[in-house]
Amino acid sequence: TIVAAGAQNRDVVMVPANFSELAEMARPGVV
């Protein structure tokens, strides 16, 4: 059911799995 719902709304991210990769990528640019 979850997959089906996701298939119908592929462009909608309800809750990101985590923000770890984003944080690691951005931290070197923040002072």
All heavy atoms as atom14 arrays in JSON, in Angstrom:
{
  "sequence": "TIVAAGAQNRDVVMVPANFSELAEMARPGVV",
  "atom14_mask": [
    [1, 1, 1, 1, 1, 1, 1, 0, 0, 0, 0, 0, 0, 0],
    [1, 1, 1, 1, 1, 1, 1, 1, 0, 0, 0, 0, 0, 0],
    [1, 1, 1, 1, 1, 1, 1, 0, 0, 0, 0, 0, 0, 0],
    [1, 1, 1, 1, 1, 0, 0, 0, 0, 0, 0, 0, 0, 0],
    [1, 1, 1, 1, 1, 0, 0, 0, 0, 0, 0, 0, 0, 0],
    [1, 1, 1, 1, 0, 0, 0, 0, 0, 0, 0, 0, 0, 0],
    [1, 1, 1, 1, 1, 0, 0, 0, 0, 0, 0, 0, 0, 0],
    [1, 1, 1, 1, 1, 1, 1, 1, 1, 0, 0, 0, 0, 0],
    [1, 1, 1, 1, 1, 1, 1, 1, 0, 0, 0, 0, 0, 0],
    [1, 1, 1, 1, 1, 1, 1, 1, 1, 1, 1, 0, 0, 0],
    [1, 1, 1, 1, 1, 1, 1, 1, 0, 0, 0, 0, 0, 0],
    [1, 1, 1, 1, 1, 1, 1, 0, 0, 0, 0, 0, 0, 0],
    [1, 1, 1, 1, 1, 1, 1, 0, 0, 0, 0, 0, 0, 0],
    [1, 1, 1, 1, 1, 1, 1, 1, 0, 0, 0, 0, 0, 0],
    [1, 1, 1, 1, 1, 1, 1, 0, 0, 0, 0, 0, 0, 0],
    [1, 1, 1, 1, 1, 1, 1, 0, 0, 0, 0, 0, 0, 0],
    [1, 1, 1, 1, 1, 0, 0, 0, 0, 0, 0, 0, 0, 0],
    [1, 1, 1, 1, 1, 1, 1, 1, 0, 0, 0, 0, 0, 0],
    [1, 1, 1, 1, 1, 1, 1, 1, 1, 1, 1, 0, 0, 0],
    [1, 1, 1, 1, 1, 1, 0, 0, 0, 0, 0, 0, 0, 0],
    [1, 1, 1, 1, 1, 1, 1, 1, 1, 0, 0, 0, 0, 0],
    [1, 1, 1, 1, 1, 1, 1, 1, 0, 0, 0, 0, 0, 0],
    [1, 1, 1, 1, 1, 0, 0, 0, 0, 0, 0, 0, 0, 0],
    [1, 1, 1, 1, 1, 1, 1, 1, 1, 0, 0, 0, 0, 0],
    [1, 1, 1, 1, 1, 1, 1, 1, 0, 0, 0, 0, 0, 0],
    [1, 1, 1, 1, 1, 0, 0, 0, 0, 0, 0, 0, 0, 0],
    [1, 1, 1, 1, 1, 1, 1, 1, 1, 1, 1, 0, 0, 0],
    [1, 1, 1, 1, 1, 1, 1, 0, 0, 0, 0, 0, 0, 0],
    [1, 1, 1, 1, 0, 0, 0, 0, 0, 0, 0, 0, 0, 0],
    [1, 1, 1, 1, 1, 1, 1, 0, 0, 0, 0, 0, 0, 0],
    [1, 1, 1, 1, 1, 1, 1, 0, 0, 0, 0, 0, 0, 0]
  ],
  "atom14_positions": [
    [[0.83, -1.19, 0.0], [0.0, 0.0, 0.0], [0.87, 1.25, 0.0], [0.61, 2.21, -0.72], [-0.92, 0.01, 1.25], [-1.71, -1.17, 1.24], [-1.82, 1.23, 1.23], [0.0, 0.0, 0.0], [0.0, 0.0, 0.0], [0.0, 0.0, 0.0], [0.0, 0.0, 0.0], [0.0, 0.0, 0.0], [0.0, 0.0, 0.0], [0.0, 0.0, 0.0]],
    [[1.92, 1.2, 0.78], [2.83, 2.35, 0.84], [3.5, 2.56, -0.5], [3.6, 3.67, -0.99], [3.88, 2.14, 1.95], [3.19, 2.1, 3.32], [4.93, 3.23, 1.92], [4.11, 1.71, 4.45], [0.0, 0.0, 0.0], [0.0, 0.0, 0.0], [0.0, 0.0, 0.0], [0.0, 0.0, 0.0], [0.0, 0.0, 0.0], [0.0, 0.0, 0.0]],
    [[3.93, 1.47, -1.12], [4.58, 1.58, -2.43], [3.61, 2.13, -3.45], [3.95, 2.99, -4.27], [5.11, 0.19, -2.87], [5.58, 0.25, -4.31], [6.25, -0.23, -1.96], [0.0, 0.0, 0.0], [0.0, 0.0, 0.0], [0.0, 0.0, 0.0], [0.0, 0.0, 0.0], [0.0, 0.0, 0.0], [0.0, 0.0, 0.0], [0.0, 0.0, 0.0]],
    [[2.37, 1.64, -3.4], [1.37, 2.13, -4.35], [1.13, 3.61, -4.17], [1.05, 4.37, -5.14], [0.06, 1.34, -4.17], [0.0, 0.0, 0.0], [0.0, 0.0, 0.0], [0.0, 0.0, 0.0], [0.0, 0.0, 0.0], [0.0, 0.0, 0.0], [0.0, 0.0, 0.0], [0.0, 0.0, 0.0], [0.0, 0.0, 0.0], [0.0, 0.0, 0.0]],
    [[1.02, 4.02, -2.92], [0.81, 5.44, -2.66], [1.99, 6.24, -3.17], [1.85, 7.31, -3.75], [0.6, 5.69, -1.16], [0.0, 0.0, 0.0], [0.0, 0.0, 0.0], [0.0, 0.0, 0.0], [0.0, 0.0, 0.0], [0.0, 0.0, 0.0], [0.0, 0.0, 0.0], [0.0, 0.0, 0.0], [0.0, 0.0, 0.0], [0.0, 0.0, 0.0]],
    [[3.19, 5.7, -2.95], [4.38, 6.38, -3.42], [4.42, 6.46, -4.93], [4.89, 7.44, -5.51], [0.0, 0.0, 0.0], [0.0, 0.0, 0.0], [0.0, 0.0, 0.0], [0.0, 0.0, 0.0], [0.0, 0.0, 0.0], [0.0, 0.0, 0.0], [0.0, 0.0, 0.0], [0.0, 0.0, 0.0], [0.0, 0.0, 0.0], [0.0, 0.0, 0.0]],
    [[3.92, 5.4, -5.59], [3.94, 5.39, -7.05], [3.02, 6.46, -7.61], [3.28, 7.03, -8.65], [3.52, 4.0, -7.56], [0.0, 0.0, 0.0], [0.0, 0.0, 0.0], [0.0, 0.0, 0.0], [0.0, 0.0, 0.0], [0.0, 0.0, 0.0], [0.0, 0.0, 0.0], [0.0, 0.0, 0.0], [0.0, 0.0, 0.0], [0.0, 0.0, 0.0]],
    [[1.91, 6.72, -6.9], [0.96, 7.72, -7.37], [1.46, 9.13, -7.09], [1.03, 10.08, -7.71], [-0.4, 7.5, -6.7], [-1.06, 6.2, -7.12], [-2.31, 5.93, -6.32], [-2.68, 6.71, -5.45], [-2.96, 4.81, -6.59], [0.0, 0.0, 0.0], [0.0, 0.0, 0.0], [0.0, 0.0, 0.0], [0.0, 0.0, 0.0], [0.0, 0.0, 0.0]],
    [[2.35, 9.28, -6.12], [2.84, 10.6, -5.74], [4.36, 10.6, -5.7], [4.99, 10.88, -4.69], [2.29, 11.0, -4.35], [0.78, 11.02, -4.32], [0.15, 11.95, -4.76], [0.2, 9.94, -3.8], [0.0, 0.0, 0.0], [0.0, 0.0, 0.0], [0.0, 0.0, 0.0], [0.0, 0.0, 0.0], [0.0, 0.0, 0.0], [0.0, 0.0, 0.0]],
    [[4.97, 10.25, -6.8], [6.42, 10.06, -6.82], [7.18, 11.35, -6.54], [8.3, 11.31, -6.06], [6.82, 9.5, -8.19], [6.37, 8.06, -8.39], [6.68, 7.56, -9.79], [6.21, 6.2, -9.97], [6.24, 5.56, -11.13], [6.7, 6.17, -12.2], [5.79, 4.31, -11.22], [0.0, 0.0, 0.0], [0.0, 0.0, 0.0], [0.0, 0.0, 0.0]],
    [[6.6, 12.51, -6.84], [7.31, 13.77, -6.64], [7.09, 14.34, -5.24], [7.62, 15.39, -4.91], [6.83, 14.81, -7.67], [7.19, 14.39, -9.08], [8.2, 13.68, -9.23], [6.47, 14.77, -10.01], [0.0, 0.0, 0.0], [0.0, 0.0, 0.0], [0.0, 0.0, 0.0], [0.0, 0.0, 0.0], [0.0, 0.0, 0.0], [0.0, 0.0, 0.0]],
    [[6.3, 13.67, -4.41], [6.0, 14.17, -3.08], [6.81, 13.4, -2.05], [6.69, 12.19, -1.92], [4.5, 14.04, -2.75], [4.22, 14.55, -1.35], [3.68, 14.82, -3.76], [0.0, 0.0, 0.0], [0.0, 0.0, 0.0], [0.0, 0.0, 0.0], [0.0, 0.0, 0.0], [0.0, 0.0, 0.0], [0.0, 0.0, 0.0], [0.0, 0.0, 0.0]],
    [[7.69, 14.11, -1.33], [8.46, 13.51, -0.24], [7.81, 13.92, 1.07], [7.92, 15.06, 1.5], [9.93, 13.97, -0.28], [10.72, 13.33, 0.86], [10.56, 13.63, -1.62], [0.0, 0.0, 0.0], [0.0, 0.0, 0.0], [0.0, 0.0, 0.0], [0.0, 0.0, 0.0], [0.0, 0.0, 0.0], [0.0, 0.0, 0.0], [0.0, 0.0, 0.0]],
    [[7.07, 12.97, 1.7], [6.35, 13.31, 2.92], [7.3, 13.55, 4.07], [7.3, 14.59, 4.7], [5.35, 12.2, 3.26], [4.27, 12.02, 2.21], [3.37, 13.55, 1.87], [2.56, 13.79, 3.45], [0.0, 0.0, 0.0], [0.0, 0.0, 0.0], [0.0, 0.0, 0.0], [0.0, 0.0, 0.0], [0.0, 0.0, 0.0], [0.0, 0.0, 0.0]],
    [[8.17, 12.59, 4.36], [9.16, 12.72, 5.43], [10.47, 12.13, 4.94], [10.54, 10.94, 4.67], [8.71, 11.99, 6.72], [9.76, 12.2, 7.8], [7.35, 12.5, 7.19], [0.0, 0.0, 0.0], [0.0, 0.0, 0.0], [0.0, 0.0, 0.0], [0.0, 0.0, 0.0], [0.0, 0.0, 0.0], [0.0, 0.0, 0.0], [0.0, 0.0, 0.0]],
    [[11.51, 12.94, 4.77], [12.8, 12.39, 4.32], [13.3, 11.33, 5.29], [13.07, 11.42, 6.5], [13.71, 13.63, 4.32], [12.79, 14.79, 4.21], [11.55, 14.39, 4.96], [0.0, 0.0, 0.0], [0.0, 0.0, 0.0], [0.0, 0.0, 0.0], [0.0, 0.0, 0.0], [0.0, 0.0, 0.0], [0.0, 0.0, 0.0], [0.0, 0.0, 0.0]],
    [[13.97, 10.33, 4.75], [14.47, 9.25, 5.6], [15.43, 9.78, 6.65], [15.38, 9.41, 7.82], [15.16, 8.2, 4.73], [0.0, 0.0, 0.0], [0.0, 0.0, 0.0], [0.0, 0.0, 0.0], [0.0, 0.0, 0.0], [0.0, 0.0, 0.0], [0.0, 0.0, 0.0], [0.0, 0.0, 0.0], [0.0, 0.0, 0.0], [0.0, 0.0, 0.0]],
    [[16.34, 10.69, 6.26], [17.24, 11.35, 7.21], [17.89, 12.54, 6.52], [17.78, 12.71, 5.31], [18.31, 10.38, 7.74], [19.22, 9.88, 6.64], [20.03, 10.63, 6.11], [19.07, 8.6, 6.28], [0.0, 0.0, 0.0], [0.0, 0.0, 0.0], [0.0, 0.0, 0.0], [0.0, 0.0, 0.0], [0.0, 0.0, 0.0], [0.0, 0.0, 0.0]],
    [[18.55, 13.37, 7.33], [19.2, 14.57, 6.81], [20.72, 14.46, 6.91], [21.42, 15.46, 6.76], [18.7, 15.8, 7.58], [17.23, 16.04, 7.43], [16.32, 15.49, 8.32], [16.75, 16.82, 6.39], [14.96, 15.73, 8.19], [15.39, 17.07, 6.25], [14.49, 16.51, 7.15], [0.0, 0.0, 0.0], [0.0, 0.0, 0.0], [0.0, 0.0, 0.0]],
    [[21.22, 13.27, 7.18], [22.65, 13.09, 7.44], [23.51, 13.46, 6.25], [24.49, 14.21, 6.38], [22.93, 11.64, 7.85], [22.22, 11.31, 9.01], [0.0, 0.0, 0.0], [0.0, 0.0, 0.0], [0.0, 0.0, 0.0], [0.0, 0.0, 0.0], [0.0, 0.0, 0.0], [0.0, 0.0, 0.0], [0.0, 0.0, 0.0], [0.0, 0.0, 0.0]],
    [[23.16, 12.94, 5.08], [23.98, 13.22, 3.89], [23.96, 14.7, 3.56], [24.99, 15.29, 3.19], [23.47, 12.4, 2.7], [23.7, 10.9, 2.85], [23.27, 10.13, 1.62], [22.89, 10.79, 0.61], [23.28, 8.9, 1.65], [0.0, 0.0, 0.0], [0.0, 0.0, 0.0], [0.0, 0.0, 0.0], [0.0, 0.0, 0.0], [0.0, 0.0, 0.0]],
    [[22.8, 15.33, 3.68], [22.68, 16.75, 3.42], [23.54, 17.55, 4.38], [24.28, 18.47, 3.98], [21.21, 17.18, 3.54], [20.92, 18.69, 3.49], [21.39, 19.29, 2.19], [19.43, 18.94, 3.69], [0.0, 0.0, 0.0], [0.0, 0.0, 0.0], [0.0, 0.0, 0.0], [0.0, 0.0, 0.0], [0.0, 0.0, 0.0], [0.0, 0.0, 0.0]],
    [[23.48, 17.2, 5.66], [24.27, 17.91, 6.67], [25.76, 17.76, 6.42], [26.53, 18.73, 6.49], [23.91, 17.4, 8.07], [0.0, 0.0, 0.0], [0.0, 0.0, 0.0], [0.0, 0.0, 0.0], [0.0, 0.0, 0.0], [0.0, 0.0, 0.0], [0.0, 0.0, 0.0], [0.0, 0.0, 0.0], [0.0, 0.0, 0.0], [0.0, 0.0, 0.0]],
    [[26.19, 16.54, 6.11], [27.61, 16.3, 5.87], [28.11, 17.06, 4.64], [29.22, 17.57, 4.6], [27.86, 14.8, 5.69], [27.74, 13.99, 6.96], [28.74, 14.42, 8.01], [29.91, 14.7, 7.66], [28.36, 14.51, 9.2], [0.0, 0.0, 0.0], [0.0, 0.0, 0.0], [0.0, 0.0, 0.0], [0.0, 0.0, 0.0], [0.0, 0.0, 0.0]],
    [[27.25, 17.15, 3.64], [27.61, 17.85, 2.41], [27.71, 19.36, 2.64], [28.6, 20.03, 2.08], [26.57, 17.56, 1.32], [26.8, 18.31, 0.02], [25.52, 17.96, -1.23], [24.08, 18.69, -0.42], [0.0, 0.0, 0.0], [0.0, 0.0, 0.0], [0.0, 0.0, 0.0], [0.0, 0.0, 0.0], [0.0, 0.0, 0.0], [0.0, 0.0, 0.0]],
    [[26.81, 19.92, 3.45], [26.73, 21.37, 3.6], [27.65, 21.95, 4.67], [28.08, 23.1, 4.57], [25.29, 21.77, 3.91], [0.0, 0.0, 0.0], [0.0, 0.0, 0.0], [0.0, 0.0, 0.0], [0.0, 0.0, 0.0], [0.0, 0.0, 0.0], [0.0, 0.0, 0.0], [0.0, 0.0, 0.0], [0.0, 0.0, 0.0], [0.0, 0.0, 0.0]],
    [[27.99, 21.17, 5.68], [28.74, 21.7, 6.82], [30.04, 22.41, 6.45], [30.37, 23.45, 7.02], [29.03, 20.57, 7.82], [27.88, 20.35, 8.79], [28.13, 19.16, 9.67], [27.12, 19.05, 10.71], [26.81, 17.93, 11.34], [27.47, 16.82, 11.03], [25.89, 17.92, 12.28], [0.0, 0.0, 0.0], [0.0, 0.0, 0.0], [0.0, 0.0, 0.0]],
    [[30.84, 21.89, 5.5], [32.09, 22.57, 5.17], [31.89, 23.99, 4.64], [32.83, 24.8, 4.66], [32.71, 21.67, 4.09], [32.14, 20.32, 4.36], [30.74, 20.59, 4.8], [0.0, 0.0, 0.0], [0.0, 0.0, 0.0], [0.0, 0.0, 0.0], [0.0, 0.0, 0.0], [0.0, 0.0, 0.0], [0.0, 0.0, 0.0], [0.0, 0.0, 0.0]],
    [[30.7, 24.3, 4.16], [30.44, 25.64, 3.61], [29.86, 26.61, 4.61], [29.65, 27.79, 4.29], [0.0, 0.0, 0.0], [0.0, 0.0, 0.0], [0.0, 0.0, 0.0], [0.0, 0.0, 0.0], [0.0, 0.0, 0.0], [0.0, 0.0, 0.0], [0.0, 0.0, 0.0], [0.0, 0.0, 0.0], [0.0, 0.0, 0.0], [0.0, 0.0, 0.0]],
    [[29.57, 26.14, 5.83], [28.97, 26.99, 6.87], [30.03, 27.4, 7.87], [30.85, 26.58, 8.29], [27.82, 26.26, 7.58], [27.16, 27.18, 8.61], [26.78, 25.76, 6.57], [0.0, 0.0, 0.0], [0.0, 0.0, 0.0], [0.0, 0.0, 0.0], [0.0, 0.0, 0.0], [0.0, 0.0, 0.0], [0.0, 0.0, 0.0], [0.0, 0.0, 0.0]],
    [[30.03, 28.69, 8.27], [31.06, 29.18, 9.17], [30.44, 29.8, 10.42], [29.28, 30.23, 10.42], [31.96, 30.23, 8.48], [32.59, 29.65, 7.22], [31.19, 31.51, 8.15], [0.0, 0.0, 0.0], [0.0, 0.0, 0.0], [0.0, 0.0, 0.0], [0.0, 0.0, 0.0], [0.0, 0.0, 0.0], [0.0, 0.0, 0.0], [0.0, 0.0, 0.0]]
  ]
}
